[in-house]
């Protein structure tokens, strides 16, 4: 059968048979190199582990820091509550005053 190529058909005659195989090899080599590079990063370095342990605070220091933070938070909450109570007291005092316009209106209506 003799097929003629048209504008919508691609010509695969220039394609090498080994092109797919070369891409597979390239992918395999790339992934292999990445795996070897990650394997070279040894995570069982005793020096790094010891340095990290030395830089950590002990349990008593952590407990003291936690207690101090809790006390600071409680003091801040108490200060906020006191400020809110003072604001409420000012608002209540302002609401109990007589509006001068209302007093004038009552005097006028009584005439």
N, C-alpha and C. Protein backbone atom coordinates (compact mmCIF):
# COMPACT_ATOMS: atom_id res chain seq x y z
N UNK A 1 0.82 -1.16 0.00
CA UNK A 1 0.00 0.00 0.00
C UNK A 1 0.88 1.23 0.00
N UNK A 2 0.55 2.14 -0.83
CA UNK A 2 1.34 3.35 -0.94
C UNK A 2 0.51 4.52 -0.42
N UNK A 3 0.88 5.02 0.77
CA UNK A 3 0.15 6.15 1.36
C UNK A 3 0.90 7.43 1.05
N UNK A 4 0.15 8.40 0.60
CA UNK A 4 0.75 9.70 0.35
C UNK A 4 0.59 10.53 1.62
N UNK A 5 1.62 11.33 1.93
CA UNK A 5 1.56 12.20 3.10
C UNK A 5 0.77 13.44 2.76
N UNK A 6 -0.09 13.80 3.67
CA UNK A 6 -0.84 15.05 3.50
C UNK A 6 -0.36 16.05 4.54
N UNK A 7 -0.95 17.21 4.58
CA UNK A 7 -0.53 18.26 5.49
C UNK A 7 -0.82 17.90 6.95
N UNK A 8 -1.83 17.05 7.20
CA UNK A 8 -2.20 16.71 8.57
C UNK A 8 -1.46 15.48 9.07
N UNK A 9 -0.76 14.80 8.21
CA UNK A 9 -0.04 13.59 8.62
C UNK A 9 1.42 13.93 8.87
N UNK A 10 2.00 13.35 9.89
CA UNK A 10 3.41 13.61 10.17
C UNK A 10 4.26 12.52 9.56
N UNK A 11 5.45 12.92 9.21
CA UNK A 11 6.39 11.98 8.62
C UNK A 11 7.30 11.44 9.72
N UNK A 12 7.18 10.16 10.02
CA UNK A 12 7.98 9.53 11.06
C UNK A 12 9.23 8.86 10.50
N UNK A 13 9.52 9.05 9.24
CA UNK A 13 10.65 8.35 8.65
C UNK A 13 11.98 8.91 9.15
N UNK A 14 12.02 10.18 9.58
CA UNK A 14 13.26 10.77 10.06
C UNK A 14 13.52 10.46 11.53
N UNK A 15 12.60 9.79 12.17
CA UNK A 15 12.73 9.48 13.59
C UNK A 15 13.61 8.26 13.77
N UNK A 16 14.54 8.36 14.72
CA UNK A 16 15.41 7.22 14.99
C UNK A 16 14.68 6.22 15.87
N UNK A 17 14.97 4.96 15.64
CA UNK A 17 14.32 3.93 16.43
C UNK A 17 14.76 3.97 17.89
N UNK A 18 15.96 4.43 18.15
CA UNK A 18 16.48 4.43 19.51
C UNK A 18 16.18 5.69 20.29
N UNK A 19 15.36 6.59 19.77
CA UNK A 19 15.11 7.85 20.46
C UNK A 19 14.39 7.61 21.79
N UNK A 20 13.40 6.74 21.82
CA UNK A 20 12.70 6.43 23.06
C UNK A 20 13.65 5.78 24.06
N UNK A 21 14.48 4.91 23.59
CA UNK A 21 15.41 4.19 24.45
C UNK A 21 16.41 5.18 25.07
N UNK A 22 16.85 6.16 24.31
CA UNK A 22 17.79 7.15 24.83
C UNK A 22 17.14 8.00 25.91
N UNK A 23 15.89 8.36 25.75
CA UNK A 23 15.20 9.15 26.77
C UNK A 23 15.01 8.33 28.05
N UNK A 24 14.72 7.03 27.89
CA UNK A 24 14.58 6.18 29.06
C UNK A 24 15.91 6.08 29.81
N UNK A 25 17.00 5.96 29.08
CA UNK A 25 18.32 5.90 29.72
C UNK A 25 18.63 7.21 30.43
N UNK A 26 18.34 8.31 29.79
CA UNK A 26 18.59 9.62 30.40
C UNK A 26 17.78 9.77 31.69
N UNK A 27 16.54 9.37 31.67
CA UNK A 27 15.70 9.44 32.87
C UNK A 27 16.25 8.54 33.96
N UNK A 28 16.64 7.33 33.60
CA UNK A 28 17.19 6.39 34.58
C UNK A 28 18.47 6.93 35.20
N UNK A 29 19.34 7.50 34.39
CA UNK A 29 20.61 8.05 34.90
C UNK A 29 20.34 9.24 35.81
N UNK A 30 19.41 10.10 35.42
CA UNK A 30 19.10 11.27 36.23
C UNK A 30 18.55 10.87 37.59
N UNK A 31 17.61 9.93 37.60
CA UNK A 31 17.03 9.48 38.87
C UNK A 31 18.08 8.77 39.71
N UNK A 32 18.93 7.97 39.09
CA UNK A 32 19.99 7.27 39.82
C UNK A 32 20.95 8.26 40.47
N UNK A 33 21.31 9.30 39.76
CA UNK A 33 22.21 10.30 40.33
C UNK A 33 21.56 11.04 41.49
N UNK A 34 20.27 11.32 41.38
CA UNK A 34 19.56 11.98 42.47
C UNK A 34 19.53 11.09 43.71
N UNK A 35 19.29 9.80 43.52
CA UNK A 35 19.26 8.86 44.64
C UNK A 35 20.63 8.77 45.30
N UNK A 36 21.69 8.70 44.49
CA UNK A 36 23.04 8.65 45.05
C UNK A 36 23.38 9.93 45.80
N UNK A 37 22.96 11.07 45.29
CA UNK A 37 23.23 12.34 45.97
C UNK A 37 22.52 12.40 47.31
N UNK A 38 21.29 11.92 47.36
CA UNK A 38 20.56 11.90 48.63
C UNK A 38 21.13 10.89 49.59
N UNK A 39 21.62 9.77 49.08
CA UNK A 39 22.22 8.77 49.95
C UNK A 39 23.53 9.26 50.54
N UNK A 40 24.19 10.17 49.87
CA UNK A 40 25.46 10.70 50.39
C UNK A 40 25.24 11.58 51.61
N UNK A 41 24.03 12.09 51.78
CA UNK A 41 23.72 12.91 52.96
C UNK A 41 23.45 11.98 54.13
N UNK A 42 24.47 11.70 54.91
CA UNK A 42 24.34 10.76 56.02
C UNK A 42 23.68 11.47 57.19
N UNK A 43 22.57 10.95 57.67
CA UNK A 43 21.82 11.57 58.74
C UNK A 43 22.25 11.09 60.12
N UNK A 44 23.14 10.15 60.21
CA UNK A 44 23.57 9.62 61.50
C UNK A 44 24.90 10.23 61.93
N UNK A 45 25.06 11.52 61.72
CA UNK A 45 26.28 12.21 62.09
C UNK A 45 26.27 12.45 63.59
N UNK A 46 27.12 11.78 64.37
CA UNK A 46 27.07 11.92 65.82
C UNK A 46 27.43 13.31 66.30
N UNK A 47 28.31 14.01 65.59
CA UNK A 47 28.68 15.36 66.01
C UNK A 47 27.49 16.31 65.95
N UNK A 48 26.74 16.23 64.88
CA UNK A 48 25.58 17.11 64.73
C UNK A 48 24.53 16.79 65.79
N UNK A 49 24.35 15.51 66.10
CA UNK A 49 23.37 15.12 67.11
C UNK A 49 23.80 15.63 68.48
N UNK A 50 25.09 15.50 68.81
CA UNK A 50 25.58 15.96 70.10
C UNK A 50 25.49 17.48 70.21
N UNK A 51 25.79 18.19 69.14
CA UNK A 51 25.68 19.65 69.16
C UNK A 51 24.24 20.09 69.38
N UNK A 52 23.31 19.40 68.75
CA UNK A 52 21.90 19.73 68.93
C UNK A 52 21.46 19.46 70.36
N UNK A 53 21.94 18.38 70.95
CA UNK A 53 21.58 18.06 72.32
C UNK A 53 22.19 19.06 73.30
N UNK A 54 23.38 19.54 73.03
CA UNK A 54 24.03 20.50 73.92
C UNK A 54 23.32 21.85 73.89
N UNK A 55 22.76 22.20 72.76
CA UNK A 55 22.11 23.50 72.62
C UNK A 55 20.69 23.53 73.17
N UNK A 56 20.14 22.39 73.56
CA UNK A 56 18.78 22.32 74.08
C UNK A 56 18.77 22.61 75.57
N UNK A 57 17.82 23.40 76.06
CA UNK A 57 17.72 23.62 77.50
C UNK A 57 17.21 22.37 78.20
N UNK A 58 17.55 22.25 79.48
CA UNK A 58 17.09 21.05 80.21
C UNK A 58 15.63 21.23 80.63
N UNK A 59 15.07 20.20 81.23
CA UNK A 59 13.64 20.19 81.55
C UNK A 59 13.29 21.26 82.58
N UNK A 60 14.17 21.50 83.57
CA UNK A 60 13.88 22.51 84.58
C UNK A 60 13.83 23.91 83.97
N UNK A 61 14.73 24.18 83.03
CA UNK A 61 14.71 25.48 82.37
C UNK A 61 13.45 25.66 81.53
N UNK A 62 13.04 24.59 80.86
CA UNK A 62 11.81 24.67 80.06
C UNK A 62 10.60 24.89 80.95
N UNK A 63 10.54 24.20 82.09
CA UNK A 63 9.42 24.38 83.01
C UNK A 63 9.38 25.80 83.55
N UNK A 64 10.54 26.34 83.89
CA UNK A 64 10.60 27.70 84.41
C UNK A 64 10.15 28.70 83.35
N UNK A 65 10.58 28.50 82.10
CA UNK A 65 10.14 29.39 81.01
C UNK A 65 8.63 29.29 80.78
N UNK A 66 8.10 28.09 80.87
CA UNK A 66 6.66 27.90 80.67
C UNK A 66 5.88 28.57 81.80
N UNK A 67 6.35 28.42 83.03
CA UNK A 67 5.68 29.07 84.16
C UNK A 67 5.73 30.58 84.04
N UNK A 68 6.86 31.11 83.64
CA UNK A 68 6.99 32.55 83.47
C UNK A 68 6.05 33.06 82.39
N UNK A 69 5.95 32.32 81.29
CA UNK A 69 5.04 32.72 80.20
C UNK A 69 3.59 32.68 80.67
N UNK A 70 3.24 31.67 81.47
CA UNK A 70 1.87 31.58 81.98
C UNK A 70 1.57 32.74 82.93
N UNK A 71 2.54 33.11 83.75
CA UNK A 71 2.34 34.23 84.67
C UNK A 71 2.22 35.54 83.90
N UNK A 72 3.02 35.72 82.87
CA UNK A 72 2.93 36.92 82.04
C UNK A 72 1.56 37.01 81.36
N UNK A 73 1.08 35.88 80.87
CA UNK A 73 -0.24 35.87 80.22
C UNK A 73 -1.34 36.20 81.22
N UNK A 74 -1.25 35.66 82.44
CA UNK A 74 -2.25 35.94 83.46
C UNK A 74 -2.22 37.42 83.85
N UNK A 75 -1.02 37.98 83.97
CA UNK A 75 -0.91 39.41 84.31
C UNK A 75 -1.49 40.28 83.19
N UNK A 76 -1.23 39.92 81.97
CA UNK A 76 -1.76 40.68 80.84
C UNK A 76 -3.28 40.60 80.80
N UNK A 77 -3.83 39.42 81.10
CA UNK A 77 -5.29 39.27 81.12
C UNK A 77 -5.90 40.09 82.25
N UNK A 78 -5.25 40.10 83.42
CA UNK A 78 -5.75 40.89 84.54
C UNK A 78 -5.72 42.37 84.20
N UNK A 79 -4.66 42.85 83.56
CA UNK A 79 -4.57 44.25 83.17
C UNK A 79 -5.66 44.60 82.15
N UNK A 80 -5.92 43.69 81.23
CA UNK A 80 -6.97 43.93 80.24
C UNK A 80 -8.34 43.98 80.92
N UNK A 81 -8.56 43.11 81.89
CA UNK A 81 -9.84 43.11 82.61
C UNK A 81 -10.00 44.41 83.39
N UNK A 82 -8.93 44.88 84.04
CA UNK A 82 -8.99 46.14 84.79
C UNK A 82 -9.28 47.31 83.86
N UNK A 83 -8.67 47.33 82.71
CA UNK A 83 -8.93 48.40 81.75
C UNK A 83 -10.37 48.36 81.27
N UNK A 84 -10.91 47.17 81.06
CA UNK A 84 -12.30 47.05 80.61
C UNK A 84 -13.26 47.51 81.71
N UNK A 85 -12.96 47.16 82.96
CA UNK A 85 -13.81 47.60 84.07
C UNK A 85 -13.79 49.11 84.21
N UNK A 86 -12.61 49.72 84.03
CA UNK A 86 -12.50 51.18 84.11
C UNK A 86 -13.30 51.83 82.98
N UNK A 87 -13.22 51.27 81.79
CA UNK A 87 -13.97 51.81 80.66
C UNK A 87 -15.47 51.67 80.91
N UNK A 88 -15.90 50.54 81.46
CA UNK A 88 -17.32 50.33 81.78
C UNK A 88 -17.79 51.34 82.82
N UNK A 89 -16.94 51.61 83.83
CA UNK A 89 -17.31 52.57 84.86
C UNK A 89 -17.46 53.97 84.27
N UNK A 90 -16.55 54.35 83.37
CA UNK A 90 -16.66 55.66 82.71
C UNK A 90 -17.92 55.75 81.86
N UNK A 91 -18.22 54.68 81.16
CA UNK A 91 -19.43 54.68 80.32
C UNK A 91 -20.68 54.77 81.18
N UNK A 92 -20.68 54.07 82.31
CA UNK A 92 -21.85 54.11 83.19
C UNK A 92 -22.02 55.50 83.78
N UNK A 93 -20.91 56.16 84.15
CA UNK A 93 -20.99 57.51 84.69
C UNK A 93 -21.49 58.48 83.62
N UNK A 94 -21.06 58.29 82.39
CA UNK A 94 -21.50 59.17 81.31
C UNK A 94 -22.97 58.97 81.00
N UNK A 95 -23.48 57.78 81.18
CA UNK A 95 -24.89 57.51 80.89
C UNK A 95 -25.80 58.07 81.98
N UNK A 96 -25.28 58.24 83.18
CA UNK A 96 -26.11 58.73 84.29
C UNK A 96 -26.23 60.26 84.32
N UNK A 97 -25.47 60.94 83.51
CA UNK A 97 -25.57 62.40 83.49
C UNK A 97 -26.80 62.82 82.69
N UNK A 98 -27.29 64.01 82.98
CA UNK A 98 -28.48 64.52 82.29
C UNK A 98 -28.02 65.31 81.08
N UNK A 99 -28.64 65.03 79.97
CA UNK A 99 -28.34 65.76 78.75
C UNK A 99 -28.92 67.17 78.89
N UNK A 100 -28.12 68.21 78.69
CA UNK A 100 -28.64 69.58 78.87
C UNK A 100 -29.79 69.90 77.93
N UNK A 101 -29.80 69.35 76.76
CA UNK A 101 -30.91 69.62 75.82
C UNK A 101 -32.20 69.02 76.36
N UNK A 102 -32.12 67.84 76.96
CA UNK A 102 -33.33 67.25 77.53
C UNK A 102 -33.85 68.08 78.69
N UNK A 103 -32.93 68.61 79.51
CA UNK A 103 -33.35 69.46 80.62
C UNK A 103 -34.03 70.72 80.11
N UNK A 104 -33.48 71.33 79.04
CA UNK A 104 -34.10 72.52 78.47
C UNK A 104 -35.47 72.21 77.90
N UNK A 105 -35.62 71.07 77.28
CA UNK A 105 -36.91 70.69 76.70
C UNK A 105 -37.94 70.49 77.81
N UNK A 106 -37.53 69.93 78.93
CA UNK A 106 -38.47 69.73 80.03
C UNK A 106 -38.86 71.07 80.63
N UNK A 107 -37.93 72.03 80.69
CA UNK A 107 -38.27 73.36 81.22
C UNK A 107 -39.22 74.08 80.29
N UNK A 108 -39.02 73.94 78.98
CA UNK A 108 -39.89 74.62 78.02
C UNK A 108 -41.29 74.01 78.04
N UNK A 109 -41.37 72.68 78.13
CA UNK A 109 -42.68 72.05 78.13
C UNK A 109 -43.45 72.35 79.41
N UNK A 110 -42.74 72.71 80.48
CA UNK A 110 -43.42 73.03 81.73
C UNK A 110 -43.95 74.44 81.73
N UNK A 111 -43.62 75.28 80.79
CA UNK A 111 -44.09 76.65 80.76
C UNK A 111 -45.47 76.77 80.32
